[in-house]
Amino acid sequence: MAQIITVPSEILRKPTRAVTTLDKRVINVIIDMIDTLKKTTNPEGVGLAAPQIGENLSIFLARPEPKGEIFIFINPEIIKYSQRMTHPTGKKGVYEGCLSIPGHYAPVKRSMSVTVKFQTTDLRSWILVDRTEVFTGFIAHVIQHEMDHLNGILFIDRVLAQQAKLYKVEGKEWVEVGI
């Protein structure tokens, strides 16, 4: 299990580089990412980007269900965003958080669906496969968050741009904090 990199680490602000070959090093990074994501608790992680474990590679994982399937995205590109947006308000909607900014959450607006062009692999053959898929709902939200990581953008940047409120969890209380 890798240690999750937290702010203010510079790697979280750098755009990643494309994966050109699925060599042993990249395979080991993916295995380490899967192991790390599976072992995250409080909260359970729903996504993890390579920069979050100190690797400047265009790879992220998404796991919309805490114990569900983990999707591997290599060299992803969102080629279409839906016009419909999530509008989290009050206690309704997704309050986004980040393993690299522990204990902080905010209602971030994102597109309700995205079309993603990416490569993926399975854990047996390790052959890269090109895919283009439409993702809707919570997984679309996770994908947009993780894509931001690959571009050096943190969810707090979205909070600032959207003039949303940021909360820090202290015990069982959610306390509004400034950025």
Protein backbone atom coordinates (compact mmCIF):
# COMPACT_ATOMS: atom_id res chain seq x y z
CA MET A 1 0.00 0.00 0.00
CA ALA A 2 1.33 3.40 -0.98
CA GLN A 3 1.16 6.48 1.18
CA ILE A 4 -1.39 8.99 -0.13
CA ILE A 5 0.21 12.33 -0.98
CA THR A 6 -1.55 15.31 0.59
CA VAL A 7 -1.53 19.06 -0.02
CA PRO A 8 0.65 21.07 -0.41
CA SER A 9 2.77 18.53 -2.34
CA GLU A 10 3.83 19.93 -5.72
CA ILE A 11 3.08 16.70 -7.61
CA LEU A 12 -0.64 17.30 -7.03
CA ARG A 13 -0.35 20.50 -9.11
CA LYS A 14 1.53 19.07 -12.10
CA PRO A 15 -0.16 17.75 -15.24
CA THR A 16 0.64 14.09 -15.73
CA ARG A 17 2.46 12.45 -18.60
CA ALA A 18 0.91 9.84 -20.87
CA VAL A 19 1.57 6.15 -20.41
CA THR A 20 3.30 4.94 -23.58
CA THR A 21 3.91 1.30 -22.66
CA LEU A 22 2.43 -1.00 -20.08
CA ASP A 23 5.77 -2.11 -18.70
CA LYS A 24 6.54 -3.74 -15.36
CA ARG A 25 6.93 -0.38 -13.60
CA VAL A 26 3.50 0.87 -14.77
CA ILE A 27 1.88 -2.45 -13.90
CA ASN A 28 3.35 -2.20 -10.39
CA VAL A 29 1.99 1.35 -10.06
CA ILE A 30 -1.51 0.14 -11.02
CA ILE A 31 -1.31 -2.79 -8.58
CA ASP A 32 -0.14 -0.42 -5.83
CA MET A 33 -2.96 2.01 -6.63
CA ILE A 34 -5.57 -0.78 -6.44
CA ASP A 35 -4.18 -2.01 -3.12
CA THR A 36 -4.10 1.55 -1.75
CA LEU A 37 -7.65 2.34 -2.88
CA LYS A 38 -9.00 -0.89 -1.39
CA LYS A 39 -7.38 -0.09 1.96
CA THR A 40 -8.58 3.50 2.30
CA THR A 41 -10.93 3.96 5.21
CA ASN A 42 -12.53 6.90 6.95
CA PRO A 43 -13.59 7.68 4.30
CA GLU A 44 -13.50 4.78 1.90
CA GLY A 45 -11.98 6.02 -1.34
CA VAL A 46 -14.05 6.01 -4.52
CA GLY A 47 -11.20 7.12 -6.78
CA LEU A 48 -7.45 7.48 -6.83
CA ALA A 49 -5.14 9.18 -9.33
CA ALA A 50 -1.49 8.27 -9.83
CA PRO A 51 -0.23 11.68 -8.58
CA GLN A 52 -1.88 10.92 -5.24
CA ILE A 53 0.68 8.18 -4.69
CA GLY A 54 3.55 10.26 -6.07
CA GLU A 55 3.49 9.00 -9.68
CA ASN A 56 3.28 11.52 -12.52
CA LEU A 57 1.35 9.18 -14.84
CA SER A 58 -1.99 9.60 -16.60
CA ILE A 59 -3.76 6.84 -14.68
CA PHE A 60 -6.68 6.84 -12.29
CA LEU A 61 -9.02 4.35 -10.69
CA ALA A 62 -12.73 4.74 -10.02
CA ARG A 63 -14.78 2.62 -7.64
CA PRO A 64 -18.29 4.06 -7.30
CA GLU A 65 -19.34 1.36 -4.83
CA PRO A 66 -17.15 1.01 -1.71
CA LYS A 67 -16.66 -2.73 -2.18
CA GLY A 68 -17.49 -2.77 -5.90
CA GLU A 69 -15.56 -3.15 -9.12
CA ILE A 70 -12.53 -0.93 -9.67
CA PHE A 71 -12.31 0.66 -13.11
CA ILE A 72 -8.83 1.38 -14.50
CA PHE A 73 -8.43 4.48 -16.70
CA ILE A 74 -5.16 4.98 -18.57
CA ASN A 75 -4.55 8.11 -20.68
CA PRO A 76 -8.18 9.19 -20.26
CA GLU A 77 -9.73 12.14 -22.06
CA ILE A 78 -13.24 13.46 -21.52
CA ILE A 79 -14.50 14.09 -25.04
CA LYS A 80 -18.02 15.21 -24.11
CA TYR A 81 -19.67 16.72 -21.04
CA SER A 82 -23.43 16.71 -20.62
CA GLN A 83 -25.22 20.04 -20.38
CA ARG A 84 -27.10 18.78 -17.32
CA MET A 85 -25.23 19.50 -14.12
CA THR A 86 -25.45 18.19 -10.59
CA HIS A 87 -26.62 20.90 -8.22
CA PRO A 88 -25.77 19.84 -4.67
CA THR A 89 -27.66 21.92 -2.12
CA GLY A 90 -28.04 21.54 1.60
CA LYS A 91 -27.79 17.87 2.49
CA LYS A 92 -28.83 16.72 -0.98
CA GLY A 93 -26.35 15.82 -3.67
CA VAL A 94 -22.72 14.79 -3.68
CA TYR A 95 -20.41 16.54 -1.25
CA GLU A 96 -17.04 16.04 -2.83
CA GLY A 97 -13.96 15.21 -0.82
CA CYS A 98 -10.43 14.15 -1.60
CA LEU A 99 -8.02 11.67 -0.06
CA SER A 100 -5.28 14.27 -0.61
CA ILE A 101 -7.23 16.90 1.37
CA PRO A 102 -8.50 14.74 4.23
CA GLY A 103 -11.56 15.75 6.21
CA HIS A 104 -12.72 18.50 3.83
CA TYR A 105 -15.91 18.41 1.75
CA ALA A 106 -17.85 20.77 -0.50
CA PRO A 107 -20.87 20.72 -2.82
CA VAL A 108 -19.14 20.81 -6.23
CA LYS A 109 -21.19 21.08 -9.42
CA ARG A 110 -20.20 18.62 -12.14
CA SER A 111 -21.72 17.36 -15.40
CA MET A 112 -24.21 14.55 -14.88
CA SER A 113 -22.63 12.44 -17.62
CA VAL A 114 -19.35 12.34 -19.51
CA THR A 115 -18.06 10.51 -22.55
CA VAL A 116 -14.55 9.25 -21.91
CA LYS A 117 -11.97 7.98 -24.38
CA PHE A 118 -9.37 5.91 -22.51
CA GLN A 119 -7.28 2.78 -22.36
CA THR A 120 -7.76 0.06 -19.80
CA THR A 121 -6.45 -3.38 -18.96
CA ASP A 122 -7.37 -6.39 -16.91
CA LEU A 123 -5.29 -7.83 -14.12
CA ARG A 124 -4.46 -11.04 -16.01
CA SER A 125 -3.32 -10.27 -19.55
CA TRP A 126 -2.09 -6.70 -18.97
CA ILE A 127 -2.95 -5.80 -22.58
CA LEU A 128 -4.01 -2.21 -23.26
CA VAL A 129 -7.50 -1.93 -24.75
CA ASP A 130 -8.91 1.28 -26.27
CA ARG A 131 -12.42 2.21 -25.07
CA THR A 132 -14.90 5.04 -25.39
CA GLU A 133 -17.79 4.98 -22.92
CA VAL A 134 -20.50 7.19 -21.50
CA PHE A 135 -20.63 7.35 -17.70
CA THR A 136 -23.59 8.78 -15.81
CA GLY A 137 -24.35 9.69 -12.22
CA PHE A 138 -21.94 9.25 -9.36
CA ILE A 139 -19.21 7.54 -11.41
CA ALA A 140 -19.28 10.52 -13.83
CA HIS A 141 -18.70 12.77 -10.82
CA VAL A 142 -15.77 10.62 -9.65
CA ILE A 143 -14.25 10.56 -13.15
CA GLN A 144 -14.33 14.36 -13.41
CA HIS A 145 -12.67 14.68 -10.00
CA GLU A 146 -9.93 12.20 -10.94
CA MET A 147 -9.42 13.81 -14.37
CA ASP A 148 -8.81 17.07 -12.54
CA HIS A 149 -6.02 15.33 -10.59
CA LEU A 150 -4.37 14.32 -13.86
CA ASN A 151 -4.39 17.98 -14.89
CA GLY A 152 -3.01 19.35 -11.61
CA ILE A 153 -6.40 20.66 -10.44
CA LEU A 154 -7.75 20.04 -6.94
CA PHE A 155 -11.40 20.04 -5.91
CA ILE A 156 -10.78 23.15 -3.81
CA ASP A 157 -10.04 24.98 -7.08
CA ARG A 158 -13.59 24.08 -8.18
CA VAL A 159 -14.92 25.20 -4.79
CA LEU A 160 -13.28 28.60 -5.27
CA ALA A 161 -14.44 28.97 -8.88
CA GLN A 162 -18.01 28.03 -7.95
CA GLN A 163 -17.93 30.13 -4.77
CA ALA A 164 -19.15 27.11 -2.84
CA LYS A 165 -18.77 26.51 0.87
CA LEU A 166 -15.97 24.29 2.15
CA TYR A 167 -16.50 22.21 5.26
CA LYS A 168 -14.07 20.45 7.58
CA VAL A 169 -15.25 17.47 9.59
CA GLU A 170 -14.30 17.83 13.24
CA GLY A 171 -15.57 14.82 15.16
CA LYS A 172 -19.22 14.60 14.12
CA GLU A 173 -19.52 18.29 13.27
CA TRP A 174 -19.17 19.90 9.87
CA VAL A 175 -17.55 23.31 10.31
CA GLU A 176 -17.43 25.82 7.46
CA VAL A 177 -13.86 26.89 6.74
CA GLY A 178 -12.21 29.38 4.43
CA ILE A 179 -9.77 28.54 1.70
